[in-house]
Amino acid sequence: QVQVVESGGDLVQPGGSLRLSCAASGSGLSIYTMGWYRQAPGKQRELVAFIGSAGDPVYASSVKGRFAISRDIAKNTVYLQMNTLKPEDTAVYYCYASVRANVGTNVYWGQGTQVTVSS
């Protein structure tokens, strides 16, 4: 059984910073990519950033230059450093891990962590 648990969501003022963490746990994990999606009220879930096992990050254009994703492969953990936050960054942020299966891959999701950017 694979578990994905996020933490770090909070209320922050515009222009502020926040760091999200996400840890995947389970027996014999082999993780390909880990990343973050977000979903604002009334909107579809959208990709924020992901990072592969080689450490090559990919960002949505809306967060590029403000957010930084990093990964600790030994700890099966991914981080999202969010700087210069804007009200439009307000959303529930979901972490995922793409894990090698017997055939193909399985994707596991966390329960989400709320980020609210407001003065």
Protein backbone atom coordinates (compact mmCIF):
# COMPACT_ATOMS: atom_id res chain seq x y z
CA GLN A 1 0.00 0.00 0.00
CA VAL A 2 1.39 3.39 -1.04
CA GLN A 3 0.58 6.52 0.92
CA VAL A 4 1.19 10.09 -0.19
CA VAL A 5 0.96 12.79 2.46
CA GLU A 6 1.27 16.53 1.91
CA SER A 7 1.90 19.24 4.47
CA GLY A 8 2.71 22.93 4.66
CA GLY A 9 -0.45 24.61 3.42
CA ASP A 10 -1.36 27.84 5.19
CA LEU A 11 -2.77 31.34 4.93
CA VAL A 12 -0.18 33.78 3.59
CA GLN A 13 -0.23 37.39 2.45
CA PRO A 14 0.29 38.36 -1.20
CA GLY A 15 4.00 38.51 -1.96
CA GLY A 16 4.78 36.00 0.74
CA SER A 17 6.37 32.56 0.57
CA LEU A 18 5.36 29.05 1.55
CA ARG A 19 6.97 25.64 1.31
CA LEU A 20 4.95 22.50 0.73
CA SER A 21 6.26 19.02 1.46
CA CYS A 22 5.06 15.65 0.24
CA ALA A 23 6.26 12.23 1.29
CA ALA A 24 5.45 8.90 -0.34
CA SER A 25 5.72 5.73 1.70
CA GLY A 26 5.34 2.06 0.98
CA SER A 27 7.29 -1.13 0.63
CA GLY A 28 9.85 -1.33 -2.16
CA LEU A 29 8.85 1.91 -3.85
CA SER A 30 10.33 2.77 -7.23
CA ILE A 31 9.12 6.27 -8.05
CA TYR A 32 9.43 7.79 -11.50
CA THR A 33 8.04 11.28 -11.06
CA MET A 34 6.56 13.31 -8.24
CA GLY A 35 4.74 16.54 -8.61
CA TRP A 36 2.00 18.95 -7.70
CA TYR A 37 -1.39 19.86 -9.08
CA ARG A 38 -3.78 22.43 -7.70
CA GLN A 39 -7.49 23.05 -7.82
CA ALA A 40 -9.15 26.37 -7.10
CA PRO A 41 -12.88 26.60 -6.30
CA GLY A 42 -14.96 26.19 -9.43
CA LYS A 43 -11.94 25.38 -11.58
CA GLN A 44 -10.39 22.25 -12.98
CA ARG A 45 -7.35 20.68 -11.42
CA GLU A 46 -4.20 21.99 -13.13
CA LEU A 47 -0.58 20.98 -13.20
CA VAL A 48 1.78 23.13 -11.14
CA ALA A 49 5.12 21.33 -11.45
CA PHE A 50 6.69 17.89 -11.55
CA ILE A 51 10.17 16.45 -11.33
CA GLY A 52 11.58 13.20 -12.67
CA SER A 53 14.08 10.83 -11.15
CA ALA A 54 16.84 12.63 -13.07
CA GLY A 55 15.94 15.86 -11.29
CA ASP A 56 14.62 17.70 -14.35
CA PRO A 57 11.77 20.00 -13.29
CA VAL A 58 8.81 21.11 -15.40
CA TYR A 59 6.64 24.08 -14.45
CA ALA A 60 3.34 25.56 -15.50
CA SER A 61 3.87 28.93 -17.15
CA SER A 62 1.81 30.61 -14.43
CA VAL A 63 4.33 29.67 -11.71
CA LYS A 64 7.61 29.59 -13.61
CA GLY A 65 10.14 31.88 -11.99
CA ARG A 66 8.19 31.99 -8.71
CA PHE A 67 7.94 28.34 -7.67
CA ALA A 68 10.73 25.80 -7.34
CA ILE A 69 10.27 22.05 -7.07
CA SER A 70 12.91 19.80 -5.58
CA ARG A 71 13.15 16.17 -4.62
CA ASP A 72 14.93 13.99 -2.08
CA ILE A 73 14.98 10.62 -3.80
CA ALA A 74 16.32 8.78 -0.76
CA LYS A 75 13.38 10.02 1.32
CA ASN A 76 10.74 9.71 -1.44
CA THR A 77 9.92 13.33 -0.74
CA VAL A 78 9.20 16.30 -2.96
CA TYR A 79 9.08 19.97 -2.02
CA LEU A 80 7.45 22.99 -3.58
CA GLN A 81 8.94 26.33 -2.64
CA MET A 82 6.43 29.02 -3.53
CA ASN A 83 7.60 32.64 -3.63
CA THR A 84 5.93 35.90 -4.58
CA LEU A 85 2.54 34.33 -3.97
CA LYS A 86 -0.53 35.87 -5.59
CA PRO A 87 -4.22 35.60 -4.68
CA GLU A 88 -4.72 33.51 -7.81
CA ASP A 89 -2.40 30.87 -6.32
CA THR A 90 -5.12 30.12 -3.78
CA ALA A 91 -6.12 26.49 -4.18
CA VAL A 92 -5.93 23.02 -2.73
CA TYR A 93 -2.55 21.63 -3.71
CA TYR A 94 -2.34 17.91 -4.42
CA CYS A 95 0.83 15.89 -4.56
CA TYR A 96 1.22 12.75 -6.65
CA ALA A 97 3.75 10.01 -7.09
CA SER A 98 4.08 7.93 -10.24
CA VAL A 99 5.24 4.51 -9.05
CA ARG A 100 6.53 1.54 -11.01
CA ALA A 101 4.05 -1.34 -11.01
CA ASN A 102 4.34 -4.94 -12.22
CA VAL A 103 2.99 -3.65 -15.52
CA GLY A 104 3.29 0.05 -16.29
CA THR A 105 2.89 2.62 -13.53
CA ASN A 106 0.39 3.51 -10.83
CA VAL A 107 -0.30 7.07 -9.75
CA TYR A 108 -1.00 7.79 -6.10
CA TRP A 109 -2.44 11.04 -4.78
CA GLY A 110 -2.34 12.82 -1.48
CA GLN A 111 -5.37 14.24 0.27
CA GLY A 112 -4.47 17.85 -0.56
CA THR A 113 -3.31 20.84 1.44
CA GLN A 114 -4.98 24.25 1.37
CA VAL A 115 -3.01 27.31 0.33
CA THR A 116 -4.77 30.64 0.75
CA VAL A 117 -3.17 33.88 -0.40
CA SER A 118 -5.02 36.84 1.02
CA SER A 119 -4.44 40.05 2.90
